[in-house]
Structure formats: structure tokens, C-alpha cells
PDB file of N, CA and C in Angstrom:
ATOM      1  N   MET A   1       0.754  -0.821  -0.147  1.00  0.00           N
ATOM      2  CA  MET A   1      -0.102   0.042   0.124  1.00  0.00           C
ATOM      3  C   MET A   1       0.958   1.179   0.063  1.00  0.00           C
ATOM      4  N   THR A   2       2.011   1.046   0.926  1.00  0.00           N
ATOM      5  CA  THR A   2       2.842   2.771   0.662  1.00  0.00           C
ATOM      6  C   THR A   2       3.513   2.677  -0.479  1.00  0.00           C
ATOM      7  N   SER A   3       3.737   1.427  -1.329  1.00  0.00           N
ATOM      8  CA  SER A   3       4.325   1.582  -2.768  1.00  0.00           C
ATOM      9  C   SER A   3       3.230   2.443  -3.805  1.00  0.00           C
ATOM     10  N   SER A   4       1.928   1.815  -3.501  1.00  0.00           N
ATOM     11  CA  SER A   4       0.875   2.707  -4.418  1.00  0.00           C
ATOM     12  C   SER A   4       0.713   3.803  -3.725  1.00  0.00           C
ATOM     13  N   ALA A   5       1.264   4.408  -2.616  1.00  0.00           N
ATOM     14  CA  ALA A   5       0.449   5.756  -2.201  1.00  0.00           C
ATOM     15  C   ALA A   5       1.881   6.411  -2.932  1.00  0.00           C
ATOM     16  N   VAL A   6       2.839   6.136  -2.758  1.00  0.00           N
ATOM     17  CA  VAL A   6       4.130   6.642  -3.634  1.00  0.00           C
ATOM     18  C   VAL A   6       4.193   6.667  -5.027  1.00  0.00           C
ATOM     19  N   LEU A   7       3.691   5.941  -5.460  1.00  0.00           N
ATOM     20  CA  LEU A   7       3.444   5.889  -7.007  1.00  0.00           C
ATOM     21  C   LEU A   7       2.300   6.855  -7.674  1.00  0.00           C
ATOM     22  N   LEU A   8       1.252   6.942  -6.597  1.00  0.00           N
ATOM     23  CA  LEU A   8       0.144   7.654  -6.994  1.00  0.00           C
ATOM     24  C   LEU A   8       0.904   9.359  -6.960  1.00  0.00           C
ATOM     25  N   MET A   9       1.616  10.020  -5.845  1.00  0.00           N
ATOM     26  CA  MET A   9       2.173  10.811  -5.644  1.00  0.00           C
ATOM     27  C   MET A   9       3.146  11.000  -6.990  1.00  0.00           C
ATOM     28  N   TYR A  10       3.980  10.371  -7.631  1.00  0.00           N
ATOM     29  CA  TYR A  10       4.661  10.599  -8.552  1.00  0.00           C
ATOM     30  C   TYR A  10       3.554  10.901  -9.946  1.00  0.00           C
ATOM     31  N   MET A  11       2.486   9.776  -9.997  1.00  0.00           N
ATOM     32  CA  MET A  11       1.596  10.539 -10.980  1.00  0.00           C
ATOM     33  C   MET A  11       0.931  11.773 -10.917  1.00  0.00           C
ATOM     34  N   ALA A  12       0.666  12.106  -9.812  1.00  0.00           N
ATOM     35  CA  ALA A  12       0.125  13.392  -9.619  1.00  0.00           C
ATOM     36  C   ALA A  12       1.034  14.299  -9.731  1.00  0.00           C
ATOM     37  N   TYR A  13       2.200  14.375  -9.155  1.00  0.00           N
ATOM     38  CA  TYR A  13       2.866  15.644  -9.270  1.00  0.00           C
ATOM     39  C   TYR A  13       4.243  15.853  -9.891  1.00  0.00           C
ATOM     40  N   GLY A  14       4.527  14.247 -10.339  1.00  0.00           N
ATOM     41  CA  GLY A  14       5.801  14.419 -11.289  1.00  0.00           C
ATOM     42  C   GLY A  14       6.794  14.186 -10.432  1.00  0.00           C
ATOM     43  N   MET A  15       7.745  13.504 -11.214  1.00  0.00           N
ATOM     44  CA  MET A  15       9.056  12.824 -10.656  1.00  0.00           C
ATOM     45  C   MET A  15      10.052  13.938  -9.850  1.00  0.00           C
ATOM     46  N   ASP A  16      10.200  15.018 -10.431  1.00  0.00           N
ATOM     47  CA  ASP A  16      10.577  16.143  -9.857  1.00  0.00           C
ATOM     48  C   ASP A  16      10.588  16.231  -8.361  1.00  0.00           C
ATOM     49  N   VAL A  17       9.082  16.888  -8.155  1.00  0.00           N
ATOM     50  CA  VAL A  17       8.380  17.349  -6.887  1.00  0.00           C
ATOM     51  C   VAL A  17       8.745  16.540  -6.077  1.00  0.00           C
ATOM     52  N   VAL A  18       8.145  15.001  -6.358  1.00  0.00           N
ATOM     53  CA  VAL A  18       8.333  14.069  -5.295  1.00  0.00           C
ATOM     54  C   VAL A  18       9.670  13.690  -4.992  1.00  0.00           C
ATOM     55  N   GLU A  19      10.559  14.058  -6.053  1.00  0.00           N
ATOM     56  CA  GLU A  19      12.183  13.702  -5.244  1.00  0.00           C
ATOM     57  C   GLU A  19      12.616  14.884  -4.369  1.00  0.00           C
ATOM     58  N   LYS A  20      11.929  15.891  -4.311  1.00  0.00           N
ATOM     59  CA  LYS A  20      12.100  17.265  -3.442  1.00  0.00           C
ATOM     60  C   LYS A  20      11.544  16.671  -2.160  1.00  0.00           C
ATOM     61  N   VAL A  21      10.032  16.192  -2.140  1.00  0.00           N
ATOM     62  CA  VAL A  21       9.693  15.805  -1.268  1.00  0.00           C
ATOM     63  C   VAL A  21      10.048  14.799  -0.178  1.00  0.00           C
ATOM     64  N   ILE A  22      10.206  13.831  -0.631  1.00  0.00           N
ATOM     65  CA  ILE A  22      10.767  12.602  -0.488  1.00  0.00           C
ATOM     66  C   ILE A  22      12.239  12.223  -0.627  1.00  0.00           C
ATOM     67  N   PRO A  23      13.196  12.923  -0.267  1.00  0.00           N
ATOM     68  CA  PRO A  23      14.655  12.807  -0.656  1.00  0.00           C
ATOM     69  C   PRO A  23      15.361  11.323  -0.146  1.00  0.00           C
ATOM     70  N   ILE A  24      14.769  10.728  -0.682  1.00  0.00           N
ATOM     71  CA  ILE A  24      15.043   8.671  -0.376  1.00  0.00           C
ATOM     72  C   ILE A  24      15.958   8.182  -1.201  1.00  0.00           C
ATOM     73  N   ASN A  25      16.830   7.897  -1.312  1.00  0.00           N
ATOM     74  CA  ASN A  25      17.441   6.880  -2.392  1.00  0.00           C
ATOM     75  C   ASN A  25      16.710   5.370  -2.325  1.00  0.00           C
ATOM     76  N   PHE A  26      15.885   4.883  -2.761  1.00  0.00           N
ATOM     77  CA  PHE A  26      15.332   3.620  -2.798  1.00  0.00           C
ATOM     78  C   PHE A  26      16.231   2.482  -2.491  1.00  0.00           C
ATOM     79  N   GLN A  27      17.031   2.921  -3.488  1.00  0.00           N
ATOM     80  CA  GLN A  27      17.916   1.667  -3.355  1.00  0.00           C
ATOM     81  C   GLN A  27      18.537   1.403  -1.867  1.00  0.00           C
ATOM     82  N   TYR A  28      18.952   2.140  -1.198  1.00  0.00           N
ATOM     83  CA  TYR A  28      19.797   2.243   0.288  1.00  0.00           C
ATOM     84  C   TYR A  28      18.544   1.906   1.249  1.00  0.00           C
ATOM     85  N   LEU A  29      17.430   2.272   0.649  1.00  0.00           N
ATOM     86  CA  LEU A  29      16.454   1.661   1.246  1.00  0.00           C
ATOM     87  C   LEU A  29      16.476  -0.068   1.319  1.00  0.00           C
ATOM     88  N   ILE A  30      16.428  -0.529  -0.065  1.00  0.00           N
ATOM     89  CA  ILE A  30      16.843  -2.008  -0.222  1.00  0.00           C
ATOM     90  C   ILE A  30      17.775  -2.471   0.866  1.00  0.00           C
ATOM     91  N   LEU A  31      18.909  -2.298   0.632  1.00  0.00           N
ATOM     92  CA  LEU A  31      19.654  -2.249   1.834  1.00  0.00           C
ATOM     93  C   LEU A  31      19.467  -2.457   2.918  1.00  0.00           C
ATOM     94  N   LEU A  32      19.017  -1.134   3.223  1.00  0.00           N
ATOM     95  CA  LEU A  32      18.615  -1.297   4.872  1.00  0.00           C
ATOM     96  C   LEU A  32      17.601  -2.377   5.330  1.00  0.00           C
ATOM     97  N   GLY A  33      16.476  -2.611   4.523  1.00  0.00           N
ATOM     98  CA  GLY A  33      15.607  -3.605   4.528  1.00  0.00           C
ATOM     99  C   GLY A  33      16.191  -5.252   4.920  1.00  0.00           C
ATOM    100  N   LEU A  34      17.532  -5.197   3.826  1.00  0.00           N
ATOM    101  CA  LEU A  34      18.043  -6.588   3.863  1.00  0.00           C
ATOM    102  C   LEU A  34      18.923  -6.752   4.908  1.00  0.00           C
ATOM    103  N   PHE A  35      19.182  -5.551   5.395  1.00  0.00           N
ATOM    104  CA  PHE A  35      20.131  -5.729   6.706  1.00  0.00           C
ATOM    105  C   PHE A  35      19.504  -5.575   8.129  1.00  0.00           C
ATOM    106  N   ILE A  36      18.422  -5.248   8.049  1.00  0.00           N
ATOM    107  CA  ILE A  36      17.548  -5.515   9.435  1.00  0.00           C
ATOM    108  C   ILE A  36      17.029  -6.785   9.403  1.00  0.00           C
ATOM    109  N   ALA A  37      16.383  -7.404   8.303  1.00  0.00           N
ATOM    110  CA  ALA A  37      15.822  -8.688   8.542  1.00  0.00           C
ATOM    111  C   ALA A  37      17.280  -9.685   8.784  1.00  0.00           C
ATOM    112  N   VAL A  38      18.105  -9.299   8.163  1.00  0.00           N
ATOM    113  CA  VAL A  38      19.348 -10.456   8.073  1.00  0.00           C
ATOM    114  C   VAL A  38      19.859 -10.437   9.504  1.00  0.00           C
ATOM    115  N   ALA A  39      19.771  -9.262  10.204  1.00  0.00           N
ATOM    116  CA  ALA A  39      20.533  -8.827  11.171  1.00  0.00           C
ATOM    117  C   ALA A  39      19.731  -9.407  12.542  1.00  0.00           C
ATOM    118  N   THR A  40      17.840  -9.501  12.106  1.00  0.00           N
ATOM    119  CA  THR A  40      17.351 -10.296  13.063  1.00  0.00           C
ATOM    120  C   THR A  40      17.599 -11.750  13.177  1.00  0.00           C
ATOM    121  N   GLY A  41      17.942 -12.379  12.242  1.00  0.00           N
ATOM    122  CA  GLY A  41      18.076 -13.798  12.311  1.00  0.00           C
ATOM    123  C   GLY A  41      19.598 -13.905  13.147  1.00  0.00           C
ATOM    124  N   ILE A  42      20.484 -13.247  12.622  1.00  0.00           N
ATOM    125  CA  ILE A  42      21.686 -13.729  12.971  1.00  0.00           C
ATOM    126  C   ILE A  42      21.944 -12.922  14.403  1.00  0.00           C
ATOM    127  N   GLY A  43      21.246 -12.170  14.853  1.00  0.00           N
ATOM    128  CA  GLY A  43      20.914 -11.923  16.111  1.00  0.00           C
ATOM    129  C   GLY A  43      20.628 -13.249  17.346  1.00  0.00           C
ATOM    130  N   ALA A  44      19.442 -13.931  16.515  1.00  0.00           N
ATOM    131  CA  ALA A  44      19.295 -14.918  17.319  1.00  0.00           C
ATOM    132  C   ALA A  44      20.062 -16.194  17.438  1.00  0.00           C
ATOM    133  N   ILE A  45      20.820 -16.284  16.477  1.00  0.00           N
ATOM    134  CA  ILE A  45      22.282 -17.264  16.622  1.00  0.00           C
ATOM    135  C   ILE A  45      23.496 -16.871  17.487  1.00  0.00           C
ATOM    136  N   LEU A  46      23.593 -15.339  17.578  1.00  0.00           N
ATOM    137  CA  LEU A  46      24.280 -14.940  18.363  1.00  0.00           C
ATOM    138  C   LEU A  46      24.111 -15.130  19.725  1.00  0.00           C
ATOM    139  N   LEU A  47      22.691 -15.520  20.045  1.00  0.00           N
ATOM    140  CA  LEU A  47      21.881 -15.783  21.580  1.00  0.00           C
ATOM    141  C   LEU A  47      21.914 -17.233  21.586  1.00  0.00           C
ATOM    142  N   GLY A  48      22.443 -18.013  20.721  1.00  0.00           N
ATOM    143  CA  GLY A  48      22.287 -19.343  20.869  1.00  0.00           C
ATOM    144  C   GLY A  48      21.199 -20.375  20.430  1.00  0.00           C
ATOM    145  N   GLU A  49      20.116 -19.218  19.729  1.00  0.00           N
ATOM    146  CA  GLU A  49      19.122 -19.858  19.310  1.00  0.00           C
ATOM    147  C   GLU A  49      19.085 -20.258  17.747  1.00  0.00           C
ATOM    148  N   PRO A  50      17.907 -20.980  17.184  1.00  0.00           N
ATOM    149  CA  PRO A  50      18.145 -21.101  15.765  1.00  0.00           C
ATOM    150  C   PRO A  50      17.703 -19.626  15.055  1.00  0.00           C
ATOM    151  N   PHE A  51      18.282 -19.876  13.697  1.00  0.00           N
ATOM    152  CA  PHE A  51      18.136 -18.491  12.995  1.00  0.00           C
ATOM    153  C   PHE A  51      16.825 -17.996  12.824  1.00  0.00           C
ATOM    154  N   LEU A  52      16.504 -16.728  12.910  1.00  0.00           N
ATOM    155  CA  LEU A  52      14.953 -16.371  12.905  1.00  0.00           C
ATOM    156  C   LEU A  52      14.444 -16.764  14.164  1.00  0.00           C
ATOM    157  N   SER A  53      15.063 -17.497  14.953  1.00  0.00           N
ATOM    158  CA  SER A  53      13.827 -17.769  16.567  1.00  0.00           C
ATOM    159  C   SER A  53      13.402 -16.087  16.958  1.00  0.00           C
ATOM    160  N   HIS A  54      11.898 -16.381  17.420  1.00  0.00           N
ATOM    161  CA  HIS A  54      11.052 -15.314  17.853  1.00  0.00           C
ATOM    162  C   HIS A  54      11.414 -14.977  19.194  1.00  0.00           C
ATOM    163  N   THR A  55      11.704 -13.744  19.583  1.00  0.00           N
ATOM    164  CA  THR A  55      11.695 -13.431  20.818  1.00  0.00           C
ATOM    165  C   THR A  55      11.030 -12.075  21.551  1.00  0.00           C
ATOM    166  N   PHE A  56      10.729 -12.029  22.525  1.00  0.00           N
ATOM    167  CA  PHE A  56       9.857 -10.293  22.844  1.00  0.00           C
ATOM    168  C   PHE A  56      10.201  -9.908  24.283  1.00  0.00           C
ATOM    169  N   GLY A  57       9.889  -9.084  24.140  1.00  0.00           N
ATOM    170  CA  GLY A  57      10.266  -8.540  25.678  1.00  0.00           C
ATOM    171  C   GLY A  57       9.080  -7.066  25.938  1.00  0.00           C
ATOM    172  N   TYR A  58       9.065  -6.361  26.816  1.00  0.00           N
ATOM    173  CA  TYR A  58       8.293  -5.237  27.183  1.00  0.00           C
ATOM    174  C   TYR A  58       8.904  -4.076  27.430  1.00  0.00           C
ATOM    175  N   VAL A  59       8.338  -2.847  26.933  1.00  0.00           N
ATOM    176  CA  VAL A  59       9.254  -1.499  27.201  1.00  0.00           C
ATOM    177  C   VAL A  59       8.221  -0.855  27.953  1.00  0.00           C
ATOM    178  N   THR A  60       8.470   0.287  28.498  1.00  0.00           N
ATOM    179  CA  THR A  60       7.470   0.662  29.385  1.00  0.00           C
ATOM    180  C   THR A  60       7.556   2.478  28.298  1.00  0.00           C
ATOM    181  N   LEU A  61       6.692   2.866  27.752  1.00  0.00           N
ATOM    182  CA  LEU A  61       6.662   4.202  26.994  1.00  0.00           C
ATOM    183  C   LEU A  61       5.762   5.171  27.927  1.00  0.00           C
ATOM    184  N   PRO A  62       5.970   6.567  27.934  1.00  0.00           N
ATOM    185  CA  PRO A  62       5.442   7.389  29.036  1.00  0.00           C
ATOM    186  C   PRO A  62       3.831   7.524  28.285  1.00  0.00           C
ATOM    187  N   ILE A  63       3.751   7.724  27.350  1.00  0.00           N
ATOM    188  CA  ILE A  63       1.988   7.636  27.314  1.00  0.00           C
ATOM    189  C   ILE A  63       1.552   6.545  27.019  1.00  0.00           C
ATOM    190  N   PHE A  64       1.905   5.382  26.351  1.00  0.00           N
ATOM    191  CA  PHE A  64       1.467   4.199  25.820  1.00  0.00           C
ATOM    192  C   PHE A  64       1.698   3.286  27.050  1.00  0.00           C
ATOM    193  N   GLY A  65       2.371   2.972  28.081  1.00  0.00           N
ATOM    194  CA  GLY A  65       2.374   2.374  29.154  1.00  0.00           C
ATOM    195  C   GLY A  65       3.616   1.385  28.895  1.00  0.00           C
ATOM    196  N   GLU A  66       3.179   0.009  28.873  1.00  0.00           N
ATOM    197  CA  GLU A  66       3.725  -1.251  28.868  1.00  0.00           C
ATOM    198  C   GLU A  66       3.739  -1.595  27.499  1.00  0.00           C
ATOM    199  N   ILE A  67       4.336  -1.798  26.199  1.00  0.00           N
ATOM    200  CA  ILE A  67       4.048  -2.290  25.200  1.00  0.00           C
ATOM    201  C   ILE A  67       5.037  -3.347  24.958  1.00  0.00           C
ATOM    202  N   GLU A  68       4.609  -4.058  23.998  1.00  0.00           N
ATOM    203  CA  GLU A  68       5.209  -5.557  23.751  1.00  0.00           C
ATOM    204  C   GLU A  68       6.479  -5.154  22.528  1.00  0.00           C
ATOM    205  N   LEU A  69       7.610  -5.773  22.489  1.00  0.00           N
ATOM    206  CA  LEU A  69       8.641  -5.380  21.157  1.00  0.00           C
ATOM    207  C   LEU A  69       9.028  -6.855  21.065  1.00  0.00           C
ATOM    208  N   ALA A  70       8.628  -7.124  19.588  1.00  0.00           N
ATOM    209  CA  ALA A  70       9.014  -8.810  19.271  1.00  0.00           C
ATOM    210  C   ALA A  70      10.196  -8.502  18.188  1.00  0.00           C
ATOM    211  N   THR A  71      10.933  -9.757  18.254  1.00  0.00           N
ATOM    212  CA  THR A  71      11.638  -9.542  17.172  1.00  0.00           C
ATOM    213  C   THR A  71      11.201  -9.855  16.038  1.00  0.00           C
ATOM    214  N   ALA A  72      10.045 -10.585  15.835  1.00  0.00           N
ATOM    215  CA  ALA A  72       9.235 -10.649  14.298  1.00  0.00           C
ATOM    216  C   ALA A  72       8.818  -9.497  13.883  1.00  0.00           C
ATOM    217  N   MET A  73       8.770  -8.234  14.820  1.00  0.00           N
ATOM    218  CA  MET A  73       8.172  -7.120  14.288  1.00  0.00           C
ATOM    219  C   MET A  73       9.595  -6.540  13.538  1.00  0.00           C
ATOM    220  N   LEU A  74      10.811  -6.247  13.953  1.00  0.00           N
ATOM    221  CA  LEU A  74      11.962  -6.170  13.497  1.00  0.00           C
ATOM    222  C   LEU A  74      11.847  -6.877  12.118  1.00  0.00           C
ATOM    223  N   PHE A  75      11.912  -8.052  12.034  1.00  0.00           N
ATOM    224  CA  PHE A  75      12.208  -8.936  10.740  1.00  0.00           C
ATOM    225  C   PHE A  75      10.927  -8.264   9.901  1.00  0.00           C
ATOM    226  N   ASP A  76       9.559  -7.961   9.847  1.00  0.00           N
ATOM    227  CA  ASP A  76       8.430  -7.228   9.267  1.00  0.00           C
ATOM    228  C   ASP A  76       8.936  -5.826   8.869  1.00  0.00           C
ATOM    229  N   ILE A  77       9.621  -5.252   9.675  1.00  0.00           N
ATOM    230  CA  ILE A  77      10.381  -4.022   8.987  1.00  0.00           C
ATOM    231  C   ILE A  77      11.085  -3.874   8.451  1.00  0.00           C
ATOM    232  N   GLY A  78      12.177  -5.014   8.087  1.00  0.00           N
ATOM    233  CA  GLY A  78      13.048  -5.132   7.350  1.00  0.00           C
ATOM    234  C   GLY A  78      12.260  -5.936   5.883  1.00  0.00           C
ATOM    235  N   VAL A  79      11.613  -6.818   5.903  1.00  0.00           N
ATOM    236  CA  VAL A  79      10.740  -6.697   4.565  1.00  0.00           C
ATOM    237  C   VAL A  79      10.233  -5.820   4.406  1.00  0.00           C
ATOM    238  N   PHE A  80       8.906  -4.782   4.713  1.00  0.00           N
ATOM    239  CA  PHE A  80       8.426  -3.806   4.659  1.00  0.00           C
ATOM    240  C   PHE A  80       9.681  -2.801   3.803  1.00  0.00           C
ATOM    241  N   PHE A  81      10.901  -2.598   4.448  1.00  0.00           N
ATOM    242  CA  PHE A  81      11.712  -1.512   3.398  1.00  0.00           C
ATOM    243  C   PHE A  81      12.144  -2.180   2.477  1.00  0.00           C
ATOM    244  N   THR A  82      12.141  -3.701   2.607  1.00  0.00           N
ATOM    245  CA  THR A  82      13.172  -3.882   1.219  1.00  0.00           C
ATOM    246  C   THR A  82      11.990  -3.964   0.184  1.00  0.00           C
ATOM    247  N   VAL A  83      10.653  -4.870   0.251  1.00  0.00           N
ATOM    248  CA  VAL A  83       9.666  -4.595  -0.660  1.00  0.00           C
ATOM    249  C   VAL A  83       9.420  -3.179  -1.164  1.00  0.00           C
ATOM    250  N   LEU A  84       9.164  -1.855  -0.187  1.00  0.00           N
ATOM    251  CA  LEU A  84       9.118  -0.939  -0.838  1.00  0.00           C
ATOM    252  C   LEU A  84      10.209  -0.244  -1.772  1.00  0.00           C
ATOM    253  N   GLY A  85      11.252  -0.363  -1.177  1.00  0.00           N
ATOM    254  CA  GLY A  85      12.519  -0.135  -1.807  1.00  0.00           C
ATOM    255  C   GLY A  85      12.220  -0.716  -3.437  1.00  0.00           C
ATOM    256  N   VAL A  86      12.062  -2.105  -3.426  1.00  0.00           N
ATOM    257  CA  VAL A  86      12.606  -2.716  -4.797  1.00  0.00           C
ATOM    258  C   VAL A  86      11.188  -2.419  -5.756  1.00  0.00           C
ATOM    259  N   THR A  87      10.070  -1.982  -4.905  1.00  0.00           N
ATOM    260  CA  THR A  87       8.955  -2.108  -5.910  1.00  0.00           C
ATOM    261  C   THR A  87       9.088  -0.571  -6.374  1.00  0.00           C
ATOM    262  N   ILE A  88       9.468   0.732  -5.627  1.00  0.00           N
ATOM    263  CA  ILE A  88       9.384   1.974  -6.273  1.00  0.00           C
ATOM    264  C   ILE A  88      10.984   1.928  -6.925  1.00  0.00           C
ATOM    265  N   THR A  89      12.165   1.503  -6.815  1.00  0.00           N
ATOM    266  CA  THR A  89      12.586   0.809  -8.132  1.00  0.00           C
ATOM    267  C   THR A  89      12.715   0.672  -9.060  1.00  0.00           C
ATOM    268  N   ILE A  90      11.641  -0.391  -9.044  1.00  0.00           N
ATOM    269  CA  ILE A  90      11.116  -1.026 -10.625  1.00  0.00           C
ATOM    270  C   ILE A  90      10.340  -0.102 -11.318  1.00  0.00           C
ATOM    271  N   ILE A  91       9.365   0.411 -10.505  1.00  0.00           N
ATOM    272  CA  ILE A  91       8.465   1.484 -11.052  1.00  0.00           C
ATOM    273  C   ILE A  91       9.107   2.925 -11.942  1.00  0.00           C
ATOM    274  N   LEU A  92      10.287   3.112 -11.004  1.00  0.00           N
ATOM    275  CA  LEU A  92      11.158   4.629 -11.331  1.00  0.00           C
ATOM    276  C   LEU A  92      11.968   4.093 -12.520  1.00  0.00           C
ATOM    277  N   THR A  93      12.396   3.120 -12.421  1.00  0.00           N
ATOM    278  CA  THR A  93      13.154   2.186 -13.481  1.00  0.00           C
ATOM    279  C   THR A  93      12.404   2.533 -14.965  1.00  0.00           C
ATOM    280  N   ILE A  94      11.272   1.989 -14.797  1.00  0.00           N
ATOM    281  CA  ILE A  94      10.209   1.898 -16.129  1.00  0.00           C
ATOM    282  C   ILE A  94      10.102   3.030 -16.607  1.00  0.00           C
ATOM    283  N   ALA A  95       9.757   3.864 -15.722  1.00  0.00           N
ATOM    284  CA  ALA A  95       9.205   5.237 -15.969  1.00  0.00           C
ATOM    285  C   ALA A  95      10.331   6.024 -16.486  1.00  0.00           C
ATOM    286  N   SER A  96      11.748   5.800 -16.232  1.00  0.00           N
ATOM    287  CA  SER A  96      12.469   6.489 -17.103  1.00  0.00           C
ATOM    288  C   SER A  96      13.101   6.363 -18.014  1.00  0.00           C
ATOM    289  N   ASP A  97      12.642   4.998 -18.703  1.00  0.00           N
ATOM    290  CA  ASP A  97      13.037   4.568 -19.846  1.00  0.00           C
ATOM    291  C   ASP A  97      12.192   5.470 -21.158  1.00  0.00           C
ATOM    292  N   GLN A  98      11.050   5.926 -20.665  1.00  0.00           N
ATOM    293  CA  GLN A  98       9.979   6.374 -21.749  1.00  0.00           C
ATOM    294  C   GLN A  98      10.482   7.712 -21.903  1.00  0.00           C
TER     295      GLN A  98
END
């Protein structure tokens, strides 16, 4: 859905305007996502667990109170960044060829 939203911004405002508003190199976002996803798995190995083992803990935040932090959430964030970066990179590559 995020990729669709960014694509709609590109279609509505043009590439130059969106690149000024969102100054992100989406190829670096792919690398960041892959790093987060792989680091989540390697972190489990360093703790003596199998690759991508799920664990969780609790953090207390001032407004929200106690919330759960899970390694599955970190892995999902890595996948999100990777998919977003790949999708937008493919779309921009196709659009720049025309």
C-alpha cells in the first residue's frame, strides 16, 4: 500500500516534485531492509537460538505504558523496507525509460 501511495504521488505531482519532498534513495532502502531482516536472524544465532527464532520483551513508554517488542516486528520492518525499495525502484526504472 505504501508503494501505491508513493506511485500515486509520482503520477500526480511528477518525479521532480516528489524527489524533493521525499529525498530517499530507494536502493539504499533495499539495503537497509535486507540488513535489518538478516541482522534479526543473526542476532538469534548469537544468542544461541536457531536462525530467525522469535523472542519478545516489554518496554514502558510514557504515554502508551507497557508495550511488547518482538523480533518478528523487526523482521517485518526489514521486509517492508525491502519490498518498498524494490517496488519503487522498479517503477522508477520503467518510468525513466519512457
